[in-house]
Amino acid sequence: MDSPPRTSQERILSAAKQVFAAHGYRGGSLNDVATLAGYTRAGLLHHYPSKQAVLLALLDLRDERLGTRDWREVESIFTVIERLPDLVRRILEDRVLVQLAHALTAEASESGHPAHEWAAGRQDQLRQRLVASVRHSIDARELAPSIDPESLAAVILAAVEGLEAQWLINESVSPVQGARTLRQLLEGIRLR
C-alpha cells in the first residue's frame, strides 16, 4: 500500500499494516488500528467486524494487487513458471504481509479456527489454477501424461511457500533464486 489511502477501508488497512508491523498481529489491537486510522473502535467495527476480518481484508488486498486472482485463461504451466520469479519478487516486497499470511495460515490449520475456511479456500484456489495449467501442458504434449496434475501443483505451491517461510527465518535464502531453480527443474521434465 504505497499510495496514500483514499477510502475508509484503505485507511483502516493501511493503519492495520503499520500496527501489525510494529506489534505483530497478536500484539496489535483494534484500538491501535482505529486510532491510527482516525476512527473510534466502533467506527472501525462498522467497516470490519473483527481484528481477523481486518487481517483477511489486508491479505485479500495483497493477493488482488499481486494479480494472483486474475488468472482468467488457463495457460501452460511453463508460462506460469516463467513468470514465477517476478511474482515471488513482488510478494517479498512486503515482508510484513508475508509474515502475517504465514502466521494466519498456520493458525488457521485447525478446522475450528475462524480463518480456516479462508486459508483452505485460498490454498485450494491457487492449487486448482496450477492443476489446470499442468493439465493444459499435458494436453499440449509439453508434459508426459503420466504426470499427476494434483501432485505437481501441490509441489509447486509447497516450494514457493516453503521458500518464503525459509526467507522469513533466514534472509540469505533467496525465494527468487529458488523459483528460478524450480523453473529449471520443470524444464527438465518438459517434452521436446
Protein backbone atom coordinates (compact mmCIF):
# COMPACT_ATOMS: atom_id res chain seq x y z
CA MET A 1 0.00 0.00 0.00
CA ASP A 2 2.35 2.65 -1.23
CA SER A 3 -0.11 5.29 -2.41
CA PRO A 4 -1.96 7.36 0.19
CA PRO A 5 -5.18 5.66 1.35
CA ARG A 6 -8.34 7.21 -0.08
CA THR A 7 -11.28 5.24 1.19
CA SER A 8 -12.20 4.39 4.77
CA GLN A 9 -11.27 0.77 4.17
CA GLU A 10 -7.89 1.74 2.71
CA ARG A 11 -7.17 3.97 5.72
CA ILE A 12 -8.04 1.15 8.10
CA LEU A 13 -5.98 -1.42 6.20
CA SER A 14 -3.01 0.95 5.95
CA ALA A 15 -3.19 1.55 9.71
CA ALA A 16 -3.56 -2.18 10.40
CA LYS A 17 -0.47 -2.95 8.39
CA GLN A 18 1.53 -0.38 10.36
CA VAL A 19 0.22 -1.63 13.70
CA PHE A 20 0.80 -5.30 12.85
CA ALA A 21 4.29 -4.49 11.57
CA ALA A 22 5.16 -2.73 14.81
CA HIS A 23 3.48 -5.08 17.30
CA GLY A 24 2.67 -8.27 15.41
CA TYR A 25 -0.83 -9.48 14.74
CA ARG A 26 -1.38 -10.72 18.28
CA GLY A 27 0.22 -7.68 19.89
CA GLY A 28 -1.54 -5.08 17.77
CA SER A 29 -5.01 -4.14 18.93
CA LEU A 30 -8.07 -2.96 17.08
CA ASN A 31 -7.96 0.15 19.26
CA ASP A 32 -4.45 0.88 17.95
CA VAL A 33 -5.62 0.35 14.38
CA ALA A 34 -8.71 2.52 14.88
CA THR A 35 -6.71 5.36 16.45
CA LEU A 36 -4.07 5.34 13.74
CA ALA A 37 -6.77 5.30 11.04
CA GLY A 38 -8.59 8.21 12.68
CA TYR A 39 -11.59 6.19 13.88
CA THR A 40 -13.10 5.09 17.12
CA ARG A 41 -13.19 1.35 17.75
CA ALA A 42 -16.93 1.42 16.98
CA GLY A 43 -16.25 3.28 13.74
CA LEU A 44 -13.70 0.68 12.69
CA LEU A 45 -16.07 -2.16 13.59
CA HIS A 46 -18.64 -0.60 11.25
CA HIS A 47 -16.28 -1.49 8.38
CA TYR A 48 -14.71 -4.70 9.74
CA PRO A 49 -16.39 -6.82 12.43
CA SER A 50 -13.14 -8.12 13.99
CA LYS A 51 -9.37 -7.89 14.00
CA GLN A 52 -9.24 -11.07 11.97
CA ALA A 53 -11.58 -9.55 9.36
CA VAL A 54 -9.13 -6.65 9.05
CA LEU A 55 -6.24 -9.07 8.54
CA LEU A 56 -8.15 -11.13 5.97
CA ALA A 57 -9.05 -7.96 4.05
CA LEU A 58 -5.41 -6.89 4.15
CA LEU A 59 -4.26 -10.25 2.76
CA ASP A 60 -7.04 -10.29 0.14
CA LEU A 61 -5.97 -6.82 -0.98
CA ARG A 62 -2.39 -8.05 -1.31
CA ASP A 63 -3.49 -11.01 -3.45
CA GLU A 64 -5.61 -8.69 -5.59
CA ARG A 65 -2.72 -6.28 -6.14
CA LEU A 66 -0.35 -9.14 -6.95
CA GLY A 67 -2.82 -10.45 -9.52
CA THR A 68 -2.94 -13.94 -8.01
CA ARG A 69 -6.70 -13.96 -8.56
CA ASP A 70 -6.67 -12.72 -12.12
CA TRP A 71 -5.77 -15.90 -13.96
CA ARG A 72 -8.67 -15.82 -16.34
CA GLU A 73 -7.21 -18.07 -19.01
CA VAL A 74 -5.63 -21.43 -18.46
CA GLU A 75 -2.03 -21.28 -19.60
CA SER A 76 0.81 -23.71 -19.96
CA ILE A 77 2.49 -24.45 -16.64
CA PHE A 78 5.69 -23.33 -18.32
CA THR A 79 4.20 -19.89 -18.97
CA VAL A 80 3.16 -19.69 -15.31
CA ILE A 81 6.58 -20.84 -14.11
CA GLU A 82 8.34 -18.37 -16.43
CA ARG A 83 6.63 -15.51 -14.54
CA LEU A 84 7.10 -17.06 -11.10
CA PRO A 85 10.42 -15.38 -10.14
CA ASP A 86 8.91 -11.93 -10.83
CA LEU A 87 5.78 -12.77 -8.84
CA VAL A 88 7.88 -14.01 -5.93
CA ARG A 89 9.98 -10.84 -6.06
CA ARG A 90 6.81 -8.71 -5.83
CA ILE A 91 5.46 -10.82 -2.94
CA LEU A 92 8.70 -10.34 -0.98
CA GLU A 93 8.49 -6.55 -1.29
CA ASP A 94 6.13 -6.59 1.69
CA ARG A 95 7.74 -8.69 4.41
CA VAL A 96 5.06 -7.79 6.94
CA LEU A 97 2.29 -9.22 4.78
CA VAL A 98 4.34 -12.35 4.06
CA GLN A 99 4.77 -12.84 7.82
CA LEU A 100 1.10 -12.21 8.51
CA ALA A 101 -0.03 -14.57 5.74
CA HIS A 102 2.20 -17.38 7.01
CA ALA A 103 1.19 -16.83 10.64
CA LEU A 104 -2.51 -16.80 9.80
CA THR A 105 -2.25 -19.88 7.58
CA ALA A 106 -0.51 -21.80 10.38
CA GLU A 107 -3.06 -20.70 12.97
CA ALA A 108 -5.94 -21.49 10.64
CA SER A 109 -4.82 -25.07 10.03
CA GLU A 110 -7.25 -26.20 12.75
CA SER A 111 -10.69 -26.79 11.29
CA GLY A 112 -12.40 -24.84 14.09
CA HIS A 113 -10.33 -21.70 13.54
CA PRO A 114 -12.40 -18.76 12.23
CA ALA A 115 -10.00 -18.24 9.29
CA HIS A 116 -9.78 -21.92 8.36
CA GLU A 117 -12.27 -21.56 5.52
CA TRP A 118 -10.39 -18.55 4.12
CA ALA A 119 -6.98 -20.27 4.29
CA ALA A 120 -8.27 -23.56 2.87
CA GLY A 121 -10.13 -21.74 0.10
CA ARG A 122 -7.11 -19.66 -0.85
CA GLN A 123 -4.84 -22.73 -0.94
CA ASP A 124 -7.38 -24.67 -2.97
CA GLN A 125 -7.85 -21.80 -5.42
CA LEU A 126 -4.12 -21.44 -6.05
CA ARG A 127 -3.60 -25.19 -6.32
CA GLN A 128 -6.54 -25.66 -8.73
CA ARG A 129 -5.21 -22.92 -11.00
CA LEU A 130 -1.87 -24.71 -11.10
CA VAL A 131 -3.64 -28.05 -11.71
CA ALA A 132 -5.43 -26.51 -14.70
CA SER A 133 -2.11 -25.27 -16.09
CA VAL A 134 -0.46 -28.67 -15.63
CA ARG A 135 -3.41 -30.33 -17.41
CA HIS A 136 -3.12 -27.77 -20.19
CA SER A 137 0.55 -28.69 -20.61
CA ILE A 138 -0.26 -32.41 -20.64
CA ASP A 139 -2.93 -31.83 -23.30
CA ALA A 140 -0.45 -29.74 -25.31
CA ARG A 141 2.08 -32.59 -25.05
CA GLU A 142 4.52 -30.43 -23.11
CA LEU A 143 4.37 -32.86 -20.20
CA ALA A 144 4.04 -36.63 -20.13
CA PRO A 145 0.53 -37.94 -19.47
CA SER A 146 1.95 -39.90 -16.52
CA ILE A 147 2.43 -36.63 -14.57
CA ASP A 148 -0.16 -36.28 -11.81
CA PRO A 149 -1.51 -32.70 -12.11
CA GLU A 150 -2.66 -32.54 -8.47
CA SER A 151 0.71 -33.65 -7.13
CA LEU A 152 2.78 -31.37 -9.36
CA ALA A 153 0.57 -28.39 -8.49
CA ALA A 154 0.94 -29.14 -4.77
CA VAL A 155 4.72 -29.44 -5.12
CA ILE A 156 4.97 -26.08 -6.93
CA LEU A 157 2.83 -24.35 -4.30
CA ALA A 158 4.75 -26.03 -1.46
CA ALA A 159 8.08 -24.99 -2.96
CA VAL A 160 7.11 -21.33 -3.24
CA GLU A 161 5.54 -21.12 0.21
CA GLY A 162 8.38 -23.12 1.74
CA LEU A 163 10.93 -20.76 0.23
CA GLU A 164 9.02 -17.81 1.66
CA ALA A 165 8.97 -19.43 5.11
CA GLN A 166 12.72 -20.10 4.98
CA TRP A 167 13.37 -16.50 3.90
CA LEU A 168 11.37 -15.20 6.85
CA ILE A 169 13.77 -17.05 9.16
CA ASN A 170 16.97 -16.51 7.18
CA GLU A 171 17.13 -13.75 4.57
CA SER A 172 20.12 -15.37 2.90
CA VAL A 173 17.65 -17.88 1.43
CA SER A 174 16.52 -16.46 -1.90
CA PRO A 175 12.96 -17.37 -2.86
CA VAL A 176 13.50 -15.67 -6.23
CA GLN A 177 16.51 -17.88 -6.98
CA GLY A 178 14.53 -20.85 -5.67
CA ALA A 179 11.74 -20.01 -8.14
CA ARG A 180 14.33 -19.91 -10.92
CA THR A 181 15.64 -23.30 -9.84
CA LEU A 182 12.09 -24.67 -9.78
CA ARG A 183 11.65 -23.37 -13.33
CA GLN A 184 14.85 -25.17 -14.41
CA LEU A 185 13.71 -28.40 -12.76
CA LEU A 186 10.37 -28.26 -14.57
CA GLU A 187 12.10 -27.55 -17.86
CA GLY A 188 13.92 -30.83 -17.25
CA ILE A 189 10.66 -32.81 -17.47
CA ARG A 190 9.32 -30.87 -20.44
CA LEU A 191 8.73 -32.98 -23.51
CA ARG A 192 10.60 -31.74 -26.54
